[in-house]
Amino acid sequence: MQMFVNFPNWISPQVVPFLPIRWYAVMYLFAFATAYLLFRYQCNRGAVKSMSVDDTLTLFCYGVGFLLLGARLFSTLFYEGSWYYWTHPWRIFWPFMNGRFVGLPGMSYHGGAVGGVLGVVLFCRKYKYNFFDVADHLLAGIPLGYTFGRLGNFINGELWGRVTTSGIGMVFPDAPRFSTNIQWVRDIADKVGMPYSAGSYVNLPRHPSQLYEMLFEGILLWLVIWFVVKPIAEKRKEKNGPGIITGAYFMGYGLVRFVIEYFREPDSQLGFIIALGKEKEPTALFKSLFNISMGQILCFLMIVGGLAVIIFALKSKPILPEKKGKGKKNGHK
């Protein structure tokens, strides 16, 4: 009996077969549009001192621009696993490979988060907005937009999970194959009902971790922040300064992603950064809670940082309303 699902063969990473436009790039546009609309929804109801449309567009230019910059830099300089991009920095943003247009494959969420925060900080300093006030209302909608990014990963058939014998295991076409000369490979193939011949290589089913992230880091995290954390922060805005939503986002994302990393295979070029479990190989299998990936280390830092932001917000004073006629005008020239 077959106990796994094959990756849908009707899904193609390209929007149009003869054009170099991929669904992953389109999903980025959906993500940014969702975040923008949710931010404007709040601004139209008096949030962020009723920020104008002009200022909002400028904010997103800063945030998205630095987000993409940070995501690409982290991916190439820290996740690539070699010194290639350190010695060939001009290749980081070069979209061609062997004379073929390939775009910019490889984006790091954590690098994007660092870049996005920097972009928002620079915007707030230039246009005189409170950073945490802007970040709270921006991050309240970010998880829902993030949902589209992970859907794009799934469509690309990338960032697959670890090997599993559960009924929801999925065979991804581009995932590495394993030799049936290895005992554990044969055991799993037998258990899930996957046929093989002696000495052959098999593509074992894996957790669809992209969909786990889409659900938990995207939809559920957004629901918690929008309908639970946000109302609490609104009630406390007369007692405390902004930042509660910002801290909750980083804590929530870090915690959920830390757990999901146990279902997602670590980057093969990095493996486990901290390997304290008795068994460290293969990385495609879950062996120990004490084998920690790069993503989990960065998520732990996010949890600590988010907690620090919440403590700061609870100890800070609320933003005083501007006196009529004394405040800055919305928009800029």
Protein backbone atom coordinates (compact mmCIF):
# COMPACT_ATOMS: atom_id res chain seq x y z
CA MET A 1 0.00 0.00 0.00
CA GLN A 2 1.38 3.41 -1.04
CA MET A 3 1.66 5.76 1.95
CA PHE A 4 2.91 8.95 0.31
CA VAL A 5 1.84 11.66 -2.14
CA ASN A 6 3.62 12.57 -5.34
CA PHE A 7 4.29 16.24 -6.02
CA PRO A 8 1.50 17.43 -8.39
CA ASN A 9 2.88 17.10 -11.91
CA TRP A 10 0.58 19.85 -13.22
CA ILE A 11 2.38 22.49 -11.12
CA SER A 12 5.04 24.45 -13.01
CA PRO A 13 7.35 27.04 -11.43
CA GLN A 14 7.02 29.21 -14.53
CA VAL A 15 3.93 31.35 -15.07
CA VAL A 16 4.34 31.13 -18.85
CA PRO A 17 6.57 28.31 -20.17
CA PHE A 18 8.43 30.45 -22.71
CA LEU A 19 8.99 33.47 -20.44
CA PRO A 20 11.46 33.75 -17.51
CA ILE A 21 8.71 34.70 -15.07
CA ARG A 22 8.30 32.37 -12.12
CA TRP A 23 5.43 32.02 -9.69
CA TYR A 24 7.85 32.64 -6.82
CA ALA A 25 8.45 36.20 -8.05
CA VAL A 26 4.70 36.72 -8.55
CA MET A 27 4.09 35.52 -4.99
CA TYR A 28 6.46 38.23 -3.74
CA LEU A 29 4.20 40.79 -5.43
CA PHE A 30 1.12 39.28 -3.78
CA ALA A 31 2.91 39.34 -0.41
CA PHE A 32 3.90 43.01 -0.67
CA ALA A 33 0.43 43.98 -1.93
CA THR A 34 -1.24 42.19 1.00
CA ALA A 35 1.03 43.88 3.54
CA TYR A 36 0.41 47.27 1.89
CA LEU A 37 -3.37 46.93 1.87
CA LEU A 38 -3.50 45.84 5.53
CA PHE A 39 -1.21 48.73 6.51
CA ARG A 40 -3.37 51.26 4.62
CA TYR A 41 -6.47 49.73 6.22
CA GLN A 42 -5.03 50.69 9.61
CA CYS A 43 -3.84 54.11 8.46
CA ASN A 44 -7.32 54.95 7.17
CA ARG A 45 -8.54 54.34 10.71
CA GLY A 46 -6.11 56.76 12.28
CA ALA A 47 -3.07 54.54 12.86
CA VAL A 48 0.50 55.90 12.57
CA LYS A 49 -0.78 59.48 12.83
CA SER A 50 -2.94 58.81 9.75
CA MET A 51 0.09 58.35 7.49
CA SER A 52 -0.54 59.61 3.96
CA VAL A 53 -0.53 57.42 0.87
CA ASP A 54 2.64 59.18 -0.36
CA ASP A 55 4.48 58.41 2.86
CA THR A 56 3.19 54.83 2.82
CA LEU A 57 4.53 54.25 -0.68
CA THR A 58 7.88 55.70 0.37
CA LEU A 59 7.90 53.49 3.46
CA PHE A 60 7.36 50.39 1.31
CA CYS A 61 10.08 51.45 -1.12
CA TYR A 62 12.51 51.67 1.81
CA GLY A 63 11.29 48.48 3.47
CA VAL A 64 10.97 46.28 0.38
CA GLY A 65 14.20 47.55 -1.16
CA PHE A 66 16.29 46.81 1.94
CA LEU A 67 14.39 43.56 2.52
CA LEU A 68 15.39 42.21 -0.89
CA LEU A 69 18.94 43.47 -0.39
CA GLY A 70 19.29 41.77 3.00
CA ALA A 71 17.60 38.56 1.85
CA ARG A 72 19.97 38.17 -1.09
CA LEU A 73 23.12 39.10 0.86
CA PHE A 74 22.40 36.66 3.70
CA SER A 75 21.55 33.88 1.27
CA THR A 76 24.74 34.24 -0.77
CA LEU A 77 27.22 35.21 1.95
CA PHE A 78 26.05 33.07 4.88
CA TYR A 79 23.91 30.23 3.52
CA GLU A 80 25.72 29.37 0.31
CA GLY A 81 28.31 27.37 2.24
CA SER A 82 31.46 28.45 0.41
CA TRP A 83 33.56 31.56 -0.14
CA TYR A 84 32.45 31.92 -3.76
CA TYR A 85 30.33 35.05 -3.35
CA TRP A 86 32.82 36.57 -0.94
CA THR A 87 35.45 36.39 -3.67
CA HIS A 88 32.99 37.11 -6.52
CA PRO A 89 30.70 39.80 -5.01
CA TRP A 90 29.62 41.06 -8.44
CA ARG A 91 27.82 37.74 -8.91
CA ILE A 92 25.47 38.37 -5.97
CA PHE A 93 23.04 40.42 -8.04
CA TRP A 94 23.96 39.04 -11.48
CA PRO A 95 20.83 37.26 -12.84
CA PHE A 96 22.59 35.18 -15.52
CA MET A 97 24.28 31.79 -15.24
CA ASN A 98 26.10 30.13 -18.17
CA GLY A 99 24.52 32.61 -20.55
CA ARG A 100 21.02 31.84 -19.29
CA PHE A 101 18.69 34.12 -17.31
CA VAL A 102 18.06 32.50 -13.91
CA GLY A 103 16.99 35.52 -11.86
CA LEU A 104 18.23 35.73 -8.28
CA PRO A 105 17.66 32.27 -6.79
CA GLY A 106 18.19 32.13 -3.06
CA MET A 107 16.61 34.48 -0.54
CA SER A 108 17.04 34.33 3.24
CA TYR A 109 14.05 35.19 5.44
CA HIS A 110 16.28 36.28 8.32
CA GLY A 111 18.39 38.44 6.02
CA GLY A 112 15.19 39.97 4.68
CA ALA A 113 14.03 40.69 8.23
CA VAL A 114 17.30 42.48 9.06
CA GLY A 115 17.17 44.46 5.83
CA GLY A 116 13.50 45.32 6.25
CA VAL A 117 14.05 46.61 9.79
CA LEU A 118 16.96 48.74 8.61
CA GLY A 119 14.86 50.19 5.80
CA VAL A 120 12.02 51.10 8.16
CA VAL A 121 14.47 52.64 10.65
CA LEU A 122 15.96 54.85 7.93
CA PHE A 123 12.51 55.89 6.74
CA CYS A 124 11.34 56.78 10.25
CA ARG A 125 14.46 58.82 10.96
CA LYS A 126 14.14 60.78 7.73
CA TYR A 127 10.40 61.45 7.89
CA LYS A 128 10.09 61.79 11.68
CA TYR A 129 7.91 58.82 12.55
CA ASN A 130 8.14 56.68 15.66
CA PHE A 131 9.79 53.42 14.59
CA PHE A 132 7.82 51.08 16.86
CA ASP A 133 4.53 52.78 15.99
CA VAL A 134 5.19 52.15 12.29
CA ALA A 135 6.60 48.66 12.87
CA ASP A 136 3.61 47.58 15.00
CA HIS A 137 1.09 48.38 12.29
CA LEU A 138 3.32 47.07 9.52
CA LEU A 139 4.07 43.74 11.19
CA ALA A 140 0.42 43.19 12.08
CA GLY A 141 -0.19 42.32 8.43
CA ILE A 142 3.19 40.88 7.39
CA PRO A 143 2.44 37.21 8.30
CA LEU A 144 -0.54 37.06 5.95
CA GLY A 145 1.65 38.37 3.14
CA TYR A 146 4.36 35.89 4.09
CA THR A 147 1.89 33.10 3.32
CA PHE A 148 2.35 33.76 -0.39
CA GLY A 149 6.14 33.47 -0.14
CA ARG A 150 5.96 29.94 1.23
CA LEU A 151 3.37 29.02 -1.35
CA GLY A 152 5.91 30.14 -3.94
CA ASN A 153 8.52 27.85 -2.37
CA PHE A 154 6.09 24.95 -2.66
CA ILE A 155 5.31 25.70 -6.31
CA ASN A 156 9.06 25.77 -6.97
CA GLY A 157 9.37 22.37 -5.27
CA GLU A 158 12.16 23.68 -3.03
CA LEU A 159 12.96 23.89 0.69
CA TRP A 160 11.49 20.45 1.22
CA GLY A 161 11.28 18.81 4.61
CA ARG A 162 13.02 15.81 6.13
CA VAL A 163 12.21 12.26 5.13
CA THR A 164 9.05 10.90 6.74
CA THR A 165 6.94 7.75 6.78
CA SER A 166 3.73 9.62 7.62
CA GLY A 167 0.82 9.55 5.20
CA ILE A 168 1.31 13.24 4.30
CA GLY A 169 4.86 12.65 3.08
CA MET A 170 5.40 14.05 -0.41
CA VAL A 171 7.93 13.09 -3.09
CA PHE A 172 9.54 16.25 -4.48
CA PRO A 173 11.04 15.72 -7.98
CA ASP A 174 14.27 17.65 -7.28
CA ALA A 175 14.98 16.26 -3.82
CA PRO A 176 18.18 14.18 -3.42
CA ARG A 177 17.84 10.42 -3.92
CA PHE A 178 19.26 7.78 -1.59
CA SER A 179 20.95 4.48 -2.37
CA THR A 180 18.98 1.36 -1.49
CA ASN A 181 22.29 -0.18 -0.40
CA ILE A 182 21.67 1.72 2.85
CA GLN A 183 19.55 -0.12 5.39
CA TRP A 184 17.49 2.82 6.63
CA VAL A 185 16.61 3.76 3.06
CA ARG A 186 15.23 0.28 2.40
CA ASP A 187 13.34 0.30 5.70
CA ILE A 188 11.57 3.56 4.88
CA ALA A 189 10.86 2.55 1.27
CA ASP A 190 9.33 -0.71 2.49
CA LYS A 191 7.23 1.03 5.12
CA VAL A 192 5.71 3.57 2.73
CA GLY A 193 5.21 1.04 -0.06
CA MET A 194 7.76 2.49 -2.49
CA PRO A 195 9.09 -0.07 -5.01
CA TYR A 196 12.83 -0.26 -5.66
CA SER A 197 15.47 -2.60 -7.01
CA ALA A 198 18.76 -3.58 -5.39
CA GLY A 199 21.43 -0.92 -5.75
CA SER A 200 19.01 1.67 -7.15
CA TYR A 201 18.43 5.20 -5.88
CA VAL A 202 15.03 6.21 -4.54
CA ASN A 203 13.39 9.57 -3.92
CA LEU A 204 11.86 9.15 -0.47
CA PRO A 205 8.78 11.10 0.73
CA ARG A 206 9.39 14.22 2.79
CA HIS A 207 7.45 16.61 4.97
CA PRO A 208 5.88 19.40 2.86
CA SER A 209 7.47 21.88 5.25
CA GLN A 210 6.72 24.83 2.95
CA LEU A 211 3.02 24.23 3.59
CA TYR A 212 3.61 23.89 7.34
CA GLU A 213 5.31 27.29 7.29
CA MET A 214 2.58 28.79 5.12
CA LEU A 215 -0.03 27.67 7.64
CA PHE A 216 1.69 28.32 10.98
CA GLU A 217 4.12 31.19 10.22
CA GLY A 218 1.63 32.80 7.90
CA ILE A 219 -2.08 32.32 8.45
CA LEU A 220 -2.18 31.27 12.12
CA LEU A 221 0.45 33.79 13.25
CA TRP A 222 -1.48 36.55 11.46
CA LEU A 223 -4.74 35.50 13.13
CA VAL A 224 -3.12 35.56 16.57
CA ILE A 225 -1.46 38.93 16.06
CA TRP A 226 -4.41 40.61 14.32
CA PHE A 227 -7.21 39.33 16.54
CA VAL A 228 -5.45 38.75 19.89
CA VAL A 229 -2.24 40.76 20.26
CA LYS A 230 -3.39 43.83 18.34
CA PRO A 231 -6.53 44.42 20.48
CA ILE A 232 -4.42 44.00 23.64
CA ALA A 233 -1.89 46.53 22.36
CA GLU A 234 -4.68 48.96 21.48
CA LYS A 235 -6.06 48.77 25.01
CA ARG A 236 -2.61 49.46 26.50
CA LYS A 237 -1.63 52.34 24.20
CA GLU A 238 -2.61 54.89 26.86
CA LYS A 239 -0.35 53.19 29.43
CA ASN A 240 2.58 51.94 27.37
CA GLY A 241 4.53 52.90 24.33
CA PRO A 242 4.33 51.04 21.01
CA GLY A 243 6.32 47.88 20.35
CA ILE A 244 4.14 45.13 21.81
CA ILE A 245 3.03 43.91 18.37
CA THR A 246 6.58 44.13 17.03
CA GLY A 247 7.92 42.04 19.89
CA ALA A 248 5.05 39.55 19.62
CA TYR A 249 5.70 39.11 15.89
CA PHE A 250 9.39 38.34 16.31
CA MET A 251 8.75 36.06 19.28
CA GLY A 252 5.89 34.27 17.54
CA TYR A 253 7.66 33.81 14.25
CA GLY A 254 10.88 32.72 15.93
CA LEU A 255 9.11 30.14 18.09
CA VAL A 256 7.00 28.65 15.29
CA ARG A 257 9.87 28.56 12.81
CA PHE A 258 12.19 27.01 15.43
CA VAL A 259 9.78 24.09 15.83
CA ILE A 260 9.13 23.68 12.10
CA GLU A 261 12.88 23.53 11.45
CA TYR A 262 12.78 20.04 12.99
CA PHE A 263 10.59 19.00 10.04
CA ARG A 264 12.62 20.85 7.42
CA GLU A 265 15.92 19.51 6.12
CA PRO A 266 18.85 21.82 6.95
CA ASP A 267 20.77 23.34 4.06
CA SER A 268 23.01 20.55 2.81
CA GLN A 269 26.04 22.83 2.55
CA LEU A 270 25.70 23.83 6.21
CA GLY A 271 24.24 20.81 7.98
CA PHE A 272 23.78 21.26 11.73
CA ILE A 273 25.56 24.25 13.23
CA ILE A 274 25.19 22.74 16.71
CA ALA A 275 25.24 18.93 16.68
CA LEU A 276 24.87 17.62 20.22
CA GLY A 277 22.71 14.62 19.42
CA LYS A 278 24.18 11.12 19.45
CA GLU A 279 23.44 10.76 15.74
CA LYS A 280 24.18 13.62 13.36
CA GLU A 281 23.77 11.93 10.00
CA PRO A 282 21.91 11.82 7.77
CA THR A 283 20.53 15.35 8.07
CA ALA A 284 17.51 14.22 6.02
CA LEU A 285 16.25 12.33 9.09
CA PHE A 286 15.17 13.71 12.45
CA LYS A 287 17.58 12.24 14.98
CA SER A 288 17.71 14.56 17.96
CA LEU A 289 16.26 17.76 19.41
CA PHE A 290 19.84 18.80 20.11
CA ASN A 291 20.90 18.96 16.47
CA ILE A 292 20.37 22.63 15.70
CA SER A 293 20.32 24.29 12.28
CA MET A 294 21.39 27.80 11.29
CA GLY A 295 17.72 28.76 10.96
CA GLN A 296 17.04 27.70 14.55
CA ILE A 297 19.95 29.75 15.88
CA LEU A 298 18.62 32.83 14.11
CA CYS A 299 15.10 32.07 15.34
CA PHE A 300 16.35 31.85 18.92
CA LEU A 301 17.87 35.32 18.50
CA MET A 302 14.50 36.52 17.19
CA ILE A 303 12.72 35.14 20.26
CA VAL A 304 15.15 36.87 22.62
CA GLY A 305 14.97 40.10 20.63
CA GLY A 306 11.16 40.00 20.54
CA LEU A 307 10.98 39.50 24.31
CA ALA A 308 13.36 42.44 24.82
CA VAL A 309 11.16 44.65 22.63
CA ILE A 310 8.01 43.73 24.60
CA ILE A 311 9.76 44.52 27.90
CA PHE A 312 10.93 47.84 26.44
CA ALA A 313 7.39 48.66 25.29
CA LEU A 314 5.87 47.86 28.69
CA LYS A 315 8.39 50.13 30.40
CA SER A 316 8.12 53.00 27.91
CA LYS A 317 5.67 55.88 27.94
CA PRO A 318 2.81 56.18 25.45
CA ILE A 319 3.04 58.47 22.44
CA LEU A 320 1.40 61.77 23.29
CA PRO A 321 -1.18 62.99 20.77
CA GLU A 322 -0.06 65.98 18.73
CA LYS A 323 -1.74 69.28 19.50
CA LYS A 324 -3.97 70.61 16.78
CA GLY A 325 -2.00 72.83 14.41
CA LYS A 326 1.34 71.81 15.95
CA GLY A 327 1.93 68.46 14.27
CA LYS A 328 3.74 67.72 11.07
CA LYS A 329 1.81 67.59 7.84
CA ASN A 330 1.11 64.26 6.31
CA GLY A 331 3.02 63.48 3.17
CA HIS A 332 6.34 64.82 1.95
CA LYS A 333 7.79 66.46 -1.08
